[in-house]
PDB file of N, CA and C in Angstrom:
ATOM      1  N   MET A   1       0.844  -1.179   0.000  1.00  0.00           N
ATOM      2  CA  MET A   1       0.000   0.000   0.000  1.00  0.00           C
ATOM      3  C   MET A   1       0.887   1.240   0.000  1.00  0.00           C
ATOM      4  N   SER A   2       0.478   2.231  -0.752  1.00  0.00           N
ATOM      5  CA  SER A   2       1.259   3.468  -0.818  1.00  0.00           C
ATOM      6  C   SER A   2       0.424   4.653  -0.337  1.00  0.00           C
ATOM      7  N   TRP A   3       1.100   5.747  -0.087  1.00  0.00           N
ATOM      8  CA  TRP A   3       0.460   6.972   0.372  1.00  0.00           C
ATOM      9  C   TRP A   3      -0.029   7.747  -0.844  1.00  0.00           C
ATOM     10  N   THR A   4      -1.261   7.524  -1.218  1.00  0.00           N
ATOM     11  CA  THR A   4      -1.849   8.223  -2.356  1.00  0.00           C
ATOM     12  C   THR A   4      -2.262   9.634  -1.927  1.00  0.00           C
ATOM     13  N   PRO A   5      -2.454  10.521  -2.869  1.00  0.00           N
ATOM     14  CA  PRO A   5      -2.950  11.856  -2.515  1.00  0.00           C
ATOM     15  C   PRO A   5      -4.297  11.802  -1.786  1.00  0.00           C
ATOM     16  N   GLU A   6      -5.121  10.811  -2.119  1.00  0.00           N
ATOM     17  CA  GLU A   6      -6.423  10.675  -1.466  1.00  0.00           C
ATOM     18  C   GLU A   6      -6.267  10.304   0.009  1.00  0.00           C
ATOM     19  N   ILE A   7      -5.353   9.357   0.292  1.00  0.00           N
ATOM     20  CA  ILE A   7      -5.106   8.953   1.675  1.00  0.00           C
ATOM     21  C   ILE A   7      -4.524  10.121   2.471  1.00  0.00           C
ATOM     22  N   ILE A   8      -3.607  10.830   1.882  1.00  0.00           N
ATOM     23  CA  ILE A   8      -3.012  11.987   2.564  1.00  0.00           C
ATOM     24  C   ILE A   8      -4.080  13.037   2.871  1.00  0.00           C
ATOM     25  N   ALA A   9      -4.978  13.289   1.934  1.00  0.00           N
ATOM     26  CA  ALA A   9      -6.063  14.251   2.166  1.00  0.00           C
ATOM     27  C   ALA A   9      -6.968  13.788   3.302  1.00  0.00           C
ATOM     28  N   GLU A  10      -7.244  12.489   3.371  1.00  0.00           N
ATOM     29  CA  GLU A  10      -8.067  11.959   4.454  1.00  0.00           C
ATOM     30  C   GLU A  10      -7.356  12.108   5.795  1.00  0.00           C
ATOM     31  N   LEU A  11      -6.065  11.829   5.827  1.00  0.00           N
ATOM     32  CA  LEU A  11      -5.287  12.006   7.050  1.00  0.00           C
ATOM     33  C   LEU A  11      -5.295  13.463   7.498  1.00  0.00           C
ATOM     34  N   GLU A  12      -5.194  14.372   6.539  1.00  0.00           N
ATOM     35  CA  GLU A  12      -5.220  15.795   6.870  1.00  0.00           C
ATOM     36  C   GLU A  12      -6.545  16.182   7.508  1.00  0.00           C
ATOM     37  N   VAL A  13      -7.648  15.637   7.001  1.00  0.00           N
ATOM     38  CA  VAL A  13      -8.961  15.924   7.598  1.00  0.00           C
ATOM     39  C   VAL A  13      -9.017  15.344   9.010  1.00  0.00           C
ATOM     40  N   LEU A  14      -8.558  14.125   9.196  1.00  0.00           N
ATOM     41  CA  LEU A  14      -8.566  13.523  10.534  1.00  0.00           C
ATOM     42  C   LEU A  14      -7.746  14.342  11.527  1.00  0.00           C
ATOM     43  N   CYS A  15      -6.691  14.977  11.044  1.00  0.00           N
ATOM     44  CA  CYS A  15      -5.849  15.787  11.917  1.00  0.00           C
ATOM     45  C   CYS A  15      -6.486  17.127  12.287  1.00  0.00           C
ATOM     46  N   LEU A  16      -7.601  17.469  11.669  1.00  0.00           N
ATOM     47  CA  LEU A  16      -8.319  18.700  12.023  1.00  0.00           C
ATOM     48  C   LEU A  16      -9.126  18.545  13.310  1.00  0.00           C
ATOM     49  N   TYR A  17      -9.415  17.312  13.683  1.00  0.00           N
ATOM     50  CA  TYR A  17     -10.257  17.069  14.850  1.00  0.00           C
ATOM     51  C   TYR A  17      -9.496  17.289  16.147  1.00  0.00           C
ATOM     52  N   ASN A  18     -10.190  17.871  17.122  1.00  0.00           N
ATOM     53  CA  ASN A  18      -9.646  18.072  18.460  1.00  0.00           C
ATOM     54  C   ASN A  18      -9.929  16.806  19.264  1.00  0.00           C
ATOM     55  N   LEU A  19      -8.899  16.072  19.606  1.00  0.00           N
ATOM     56  CA  LEU A  19      -9.068  14.816  20.318  1.00  0.00           C
ATOM     57  C   LEU A  19      -9.317  15.009  21.812  1.00  0.00           C
ATOM     58  N   ASP A  20      -9.197  16.234  22.295  1.00  0.00           N
ATOM     59  CA  ASP A  20      -9.442  16.510  23.703  1.00  0.00           C
ATOM     60  C   ASP A  20     -10.927  16.571  24.042  1.00  0.00           C
ATOM     61  N   SER A  21     -11.785  16.662  23.020  1.00  0.00           N
ATOM     62  CA  SER A  21     -13.225  16.750  23.255  1.00  0.00           C
ATOM     63  C   SER A  21     -13.980  15.981  22.183  1.00  0.00           C
ATOM     64  N   THR A  22     -14.709  14.960  22.610  1.00  0.00           N
ATOM     65  CA  THR A  22     -15.521  14.206  21.651  1.00  0.00           C
ATOM     66  C   THR A  22     -16.780  14.978  21.271  1.00  0.00           C
ATOM     67  N   GLN A  23     -17.043  16.087  21.946  1.00  0.00           N
ATOM     68  CA  GLN A  23     -18.222  16.908  21.662  1.00  0.00           C
ATOM     69  C   GLN A  23     -17.928  18.017  20.657  1.00  0.00           C
ATOM     70  N   GLU A  24     -16.714  18.034  20.130  1.00  0.00           N
ATOM     71  CA  GLU A  24     -16.318  19.064  19.176  1.00  0.00           C
ATOM     72  C   GLU A  24     -16.110  18.424  17.813  1.00  0.00           C
ATOM     73  N   GLY A  25     -16.926  18.827  16.845  1.00  0.00           N
ATOM     74  CA  GLY A  25     -16.806  18.301  15.501  1.00  0.00           C
ATOM     75  C   GLY A  25     -16.223  19.352  14.573  1.00  0.00           C
ATOM     76  N   ILE A  26     -16.275  19.050  13.285  1.00  0.00           N
ATOM     77  CA  ILE A  26     -15.824  20.020  12.279  1.00  0.00           C
ATOM     78  C   ILE A  26     -16.885  20.114  11.196  1.00  0.00           C
ATOM     79  N   LYS A  27     -16.817  21.175  10.411  1.00  0.00           N
ATOM     80  CA  LYS A  27     -17.682  21.381   9.259  1.00  0.00           C
ATOM     81  C   LYS A  27     -16.782  21.747   8.092  1.00  0.00           C
ATOM     82  N   VAL A  28     -16.818  20.944   7.035  1.00  0.00           N
ATOM     83  CA  VAL A  28     -16.022  21.225   5.850  1.00  0.00           C
ATOM     84  C   VAL A  28     -16.960  21.830   4.810  1.00  0.00           C
ATOM     85  N   HIS A  29     -16.783  23.092   4.552  1.00  0.00           N
ATOM     86  CA  HIS A  29     -17.631  23.810   3.598  1.00  0.00           C
ATOM     87  C   HIS A  29     -17.194  23.510   2.172  1.00  0.00           C
ATOM     88  N   SER A  30     -18.091  23.668   1.240  1.00  0.00           N
ATOM     89  CA  SER A  30     -17.773  23.402  -0.167  1.00  0.00           C
ATOM     90  C   SER A  30     -16.667  24.322  -0.669  1.00  0.00           C
ATOM     91  N   SER A  31     -16.484  25.448  -0.021  1.00  0.00           N
ATOM     92  CA  SER A  31     -15.424  26.380  -0.423  1.00  0.00           C
ATOM     93  C   SER A  31     -14.043  25.912   0.061  1.00  0.00           C
ATOM     94  N   ALA A  32     -13.994  24.814   0.806  1.00  0.00           N
ATOM     95  CA  ALA A  32     -12.716  24.311   1.330  1.00  0.00           C
ATOM     96  C   ALA A  32     -11.836  23.725   0.242  1.00  0.00           C
ATOM     97  N   GLY A  33     -12.376  23.490  -0.901  1.00  0.00           N
ATOM     98  CA  GLY A  33     -11.611  22.901  -1.993  1.00  0.00           C
ATOM     99  C   GLY A  33     -12.093  21.493  -2.277  1.00  0.00           C
ATOM    100  N   ALA A  34     -12.067  21.138  -3.526  1.00  0.00           N
ATOM    101  CA  ALA A  34     -12.617  19.852  -3.964  1.00  0.00           C
ATOM    102  C   ALA A  34     -11.919  18.666  -3.309  1.00  0.00           C
ATOM    103  N   GLU A  35     -10.608  18.738  -3.130  1.00  0.00           N
ATOM    104  CA  GLU A  35      -9.859  17.627  -2.544  1.00  0.00           C
ATOM    105  C   GLU A  35     -10.271  17.369  -1.095  1.00  0.00           C
ATOM    106  N   ARG A  36     -10.408  18.441  -0.308  1.00  0.00           N
ATOM    107  CA  ARG A  36     -10.795  18.292   1.097  1.00  0.00           C
ATOM    108  C   ARG A  36     -12.252  17.836   1.221  1.00  0.00           C
ATOM    109  N   VAL A  37     -13.122  18.376   0.376  1.00  0.00           N
ATOM    110  CA  VAL A  37     -14.530  17.964   0.384  1.00  0.00           C
ATOM    111  C   VAL A  37     -14.643  16.482   0.038  1.00  0.00           C
ATOM    112  N   ALA A  38     -13.918  16.044  -0.967  1.00  0.00           N
ATOM    113  CA  ALA A  38     -13.949  14.637  -1.379  1.00  0.00           C
ATOM    114  C   ALA A  38     -13.378  13.738  -0.290  1.00  0.00           C
ATOM    115  N   ALA A  39     -12.307  14.180   0.364  1.00  0.00           N
ATOM    116  CA  ALA A  39     -11.705  13.388   1.443  1.00  0.00           C
ATOM    117  C   ALA A  39     -12.691  13.227   2.591  1.00  0.00           C
ATOM    118  N   THR A  40     -13.402  14.278   2.912  1.00  0.00           N
ATOM    119  CA  THR A  40     -14.391  14.226   3.988  1.00  0.00           C
ATOM    120  C   THR A  40     -15.525  13.271   3.631  1.00  0.00           C
ATOM    121  N   GLN A  41     -15.971  13.298   2.400  1.00  0.00           N
ATOM    122  CA  GLN A  41     -17.010  12.384   1.935  1.00  0.00           C
ATOM    123  C   GLN A  41     -16.537  10.929   2.054  1.00  0.00           C
ATOM    124  N   ARG A  42     -15.299  10.668   1.672  1.00  0.00           N
ATOM    125  CA  ARG A  42     -14.768   9.303   1.763  1.00  0.00           C
ATOM    126  C   ARG A  42     -14.690   8.829   3.212  1.00  0.00           C
ATOM    127  N   LEU A  43     -14.285   9.718   4.118  1.00  0.00           N
ATOM    128  CA  LEU A  43     -14.227   9.351   5.530  1.00  0.00           C
ATOM    129  C   LEU A  43     -15.618   9.003   6.058  1.00  0.00           C
ATOM    130  N   PHE A  44     -16.622   9.733   5.612  1.00  0.00           N
ATOM    131  CA  PHE A  44     -17.997   9.435   5.988  1.00  0.00           C
ATOM    132  C   PHE A  44     -18.416   8.062   5.453  1.00  0.00           C
ATOM    133  N   GLU A  45     -18.109   7.803   4.193  1.00  0.00           N
ATOM    134  CA  GLU A  45     -18.458   6.524   3.583  1.00  0.00           C
ATOM    135  C   GLU A  45     -17.751   5.353   4.257  1.00  0.00           C
ATOM    136  N   LYS A  46     -16.564   5.603   4.808  1.00  0.00           N
ATOM    137  CA  LYS A  46     -15.809   4.568   5.512  1.00  0.00           C
ATOM    138  C   LYS A  46     -16.258   4.400   6.959  1.00  0.00           C
ATOM    139  N   GLY A  47     -17.170   5.264   7.410  1.00  0.00           N
ATOM    140  CA  GLY A  47     -17.689   5.164   8.768  1.00  0.00           C
ATOM    141  C   GLY A  47     -16.811   5.786   9.830  1.00  0.00           C
ATOM    142  N   LEU A  48     -15.935   6.709   9.450  1.00  0.00           N
ATOM    143  CA  LEU A  48     -15.047   7.341  10.421  1.00  0.00           C
ATOM    144  C   LEU A  48     -15.614   8.638  10.989  1.00  0.00           C
ATOM    145  N   ILE A  49     -16.536   9.266  10.253  1.00  0.00           N
ATOM    146  CA  ILE A  49     -17.165  10.501  10.714  1.00  0.00           C
ATOM    147  C   ILE A  49     -18.673  10.379  10.515  1.00  0.00           C
ATOM    148  N   THR A  50     -19.421  11.222  11.222  1.00  0.00           N
ATOM    149  CA  THR A  50     -20.876  11.075  11.261  1.00  0.00           C
ATOM    150  C   THR A  50     -21.633  11.790  10.151  1.00  0.00           C
ATOM    151  N   GLN A  51     -21.006  12.731   9.480  1.00  0.00           N
ATOM    152  CA  GLN A  51     -21.681  13.497   8.429  1.00  0.00           C
ATOM    153  C   GLN A  51     -20.790  13.562   7.193  1.00  0.00           C
ATOM    154  N   ASP A  52     -21.399  13.699   6.032  1.00  0.00           N
ATOM    155  CA  ASP A  52     -20.595  13.750   4.809  1.00  0.00           C
ATOM    156  C   ASP A  52     -19.821  15.051   4.658  1.00  0.00           C
ATOM    157  N   ASP A  53     -20.105  16.025   5.521  1.00  0.00           N
ATOM    158  CA  ASP A  53     -19.354  17.285   5.505  1.00  0.00           C
ATOM    159  C   ASP A  53     -18.601  17.502   6.819  1.00  0.00           C
ATOM    160  N   GLY A  54     -18.369  16.424   7.547  1.00  0.00           N
ATOM    161  CA  GLY A  54     -17.610  16.511   8.788  1.00  0.00           C
ATOM    162  C   GLY A  54     -18.346  15.888   9.941  1.00  0.00           C
ATOM    163  N   GLY A  55     -18.919  16.724  10.784  1.00  0.00           N
ATOM    164  CA  GLY A  55     -19.613  16.206  11.958  1.00  0.00           C
ATOM    165  C   GLY A  55     -18.629  15.756  13.016  1.00  0.00           C
ATOM    166  N   PHE A  56     -18.970  14.642  13.662  1.00  0.00           N
ATOM    167  CA  PHE A  56     -18.163  14.121  14.753  1.00  0.00           C
ATOM    168  C   PHE A  56     -17.450  12.844  14.330  1.00  0.00           C
ATOM    169  N   LEU A  57     -16.429  12.490  15.076  1.00  0.00           N
ATOM    170  CA  LEU A  57     -15.739  11.226  14.840  1.00  0.00           C
ATOM    171  C   LEU A  57     -16.571  10.078  15.401  1.00  0.00           C
ATOM    172  N   THR A  58     -16.628   8.986  14.683  1.00  0.00           N
ATOM    173  CA  THR A  58     -17.196   7.762  15.226  1.00  0.00           C
ATOM    174  C   THR A  58     -16.131   7.130  16.124  1.00  0.00           C
ATOM    175  N   SER A  59     -16.447   6.021  16.775  1.00  0.00           N
ATOM    176  CA  SER A  59     -15.425   5.381  17.611  1.00  0.00           C
ATOM    177  C   SER A  59     -14.243   4.931  16.761  1.00  0.00           C
ATOM    178  N   LEU A  60     -14.525   4.401  15.565  1.00  0.00           N
ATOM    179  CA  LEU A  60     -13.443   4.027  14.648  1.00  0.00           C
ATOM    180  C   LEU A  60     -12.675   5.267  14.182  1.00  0.00           C
ATOM    181  N   GLY A  61     -13.389   6.336  13.916  1.00  0.00           N
ATOM    182  CA  GLY A  61     -12.762   7.584  13.500  1.00  0.00           C
ATOM    183  C   GLY A  61     -11.889   8.184  14.577  1.00  0.00           C
ATOM    184  N   LEU A  62     -12.331   8.071  15.832  1.00  0.00           N
ATOM    185  CA  LEU A  62     -11.533   8.576  16.952  1.00  0.00           C
ATOM    186  C   LEU A  62     -10.211   7.829  17.034  1.00  0.00           C
ATOM    187  N   GLU A  63     -10.269   6.525  16.864  1.00  0.00           N
ATOM    188  CA  GLU A  63      -9.042   5.724  16.889  1.00  0.00           C
ATOM    189  C   GLU A  63      -8.133   6.096  15.713  1.00  0.00           C
ATOM    190  N   ALA A  64      -8.714   6.227  14.525  1.00  0.00           N
ATOM    191  CA  ALA A  64      -7.923   6.574  13.338  1.00  0.00           C
ATOM    192  C   ALA A  64      -7.312   7.966  13.477  1.00  0.00           C
ATOM    193  N   ALA A  65      -8.089   8.927  13.982  1.00  0.00           N
ATOM    194  CA  ALA A  65      -7.580  10.292  14.151  1.00  0.00           C
ATOM    195  C   ALA A  65      -6.452  10.325  15.176  1.00  0.00           C
ATOM    196  N   ALA A  66      -6.588   9.549  16.237  1.00  0.00           N
ATOM    197  CA  ALA A  66      -5.530   9.497  17.250  1.00  0.00           C
ATOM    198  C   ALA A  66      -4.237   8.952  16.645  1.00  0.00           C
ATOM    199  N   HIS A  67      -4.351   7.913  15.847  1.00  0.00           N
ATOM    200  CA  HIS A  67      -3.161   7.354  15.198  1.00  0.00           C
ATOM    201  C   HIS A  67      -2.573   8.342  14.193  1.00  0.00           C
ATOM    202  N   ALA A  68      -3.422   8.982  13.400  1.00  0.00           N
ATOM    203  CA  ALA A  68      -2.950   9.945  12.398  1.00  0.00           C
ATOM    204  C   ALA A  68      -2.225  11.099  13.067  1.00  0.00           C
ATOM    205  N   GLN A  69      -2.803  11.608  14.149  1.00  0.00           N
ATOM    206  CA  GLN A  69      -2.178  12.732  14.836  1.00  0.00           C
ATOM    207  C   GLN A  69      -0.890  12.306  15.527  1.00  0.00           C
ATOM    208  N   ALA A  70      -0.836  11.078  16.010  1.00  0.00           N
ATOM    209  CA  ALA A  70       0.393  10.570  16.637  1.00  0.00           C
ATOM    210  C   ALA A  70       1.505  10.454  15.601  1.00  0.00           C
ATOM    211  N   VAL A  71       1.182   9.937  14.432  1.00  0.00           N
ATOM    212  CA  VAL A  71       2.185   9.813  13.362  1.00  0.00           C
ATOM    213  C   VAL A  71       2.693  11.207  12.983  1.00  0.00           C
ATOM    214  N   LEU A  72       1.798  12.154  12.837  1.00  0.00           N
ATOM    215  CA  LEU A  72       2.204  13.505  12.485  1.00  0.00           C
ATOM    216  C   LEU A  72       3.125  14.092  13.550  1.00  0.00           C
ATOM    217  N   THR A  73       2.813  13.861  14.811  1.00  0.00           N
ATOM    218  CA  THR A  73       3.644  14.361  15.909  1.00  0.00           C
ATOM    219  C   THR A  73       5.035  13.739  15.871  1.00  0.00           C
ATOM    220  N   VAL A  74       5.095  12.441  15.680  1.00  0.00           N
ATOM    221  CA  VAL A  74       6.384  11.755  15.652  1.00  0.00           C
ATOM    222  C   VAL A  74       7.236  12.219  14.471  1.00  0.00           C
ATOM    223  N   LEU A  75       6.618  12.335  13.312  1.00  0.00           N
ATOM    224  CA  LEU A  75       7.375  12.732  12.122  1.00  0.00           C
ATOM    225  C   LEU A  75       7.788  14.195  12.150  1.00  0.00           C
ATOM    226  N   ALA A  76       7.082  15.008  12.920  1.00  0.00           N
ATOM    227  CA  ALA A  76       7.400  16.444  12.985  1.00  0.00           C
ATOM    228  C   ALA A  76       8.513  16.766  13.974  1.00  0.00           C
ATOM    229  N   ILE A  77       8.960  15.759  14.723  1.00  0.00           N
ATOM    230  CA  ILE A  77      10.025  15.997  15.705  1.00  0.00           C
ATOM    231  C   ILE A  77      11.315  16.312  14.957  1.00  0.00           C
ATOM    232  N   ASP A  78      11.969  17.380  15.379  1.00  0.00           N
ATOM    233  CA  ASP A  78      13.224  17.805  14.718  1.00  0.00           C
ATOM    234  C   ASP A  78      14.373  16.958  15.163  1.00  0.00           C
TER     235      ASP A  78
END
């Protein structure tokens, strides 16, 4: 498996979520750009988020977002 632009876009959306509060969701507006809108739709179809334009993380989405944010943190270390 490789890191496709689609997977990277999905990871970027997952990294937008605040993991400190499960009561805080996101809203991806159509003006956010076609790539981000499409990534958000795919995450919804995969069952990681509750709405096709963002919403809240599902339990699977919370786990995926935690892993995505952890990878980003580790790779960003200087």
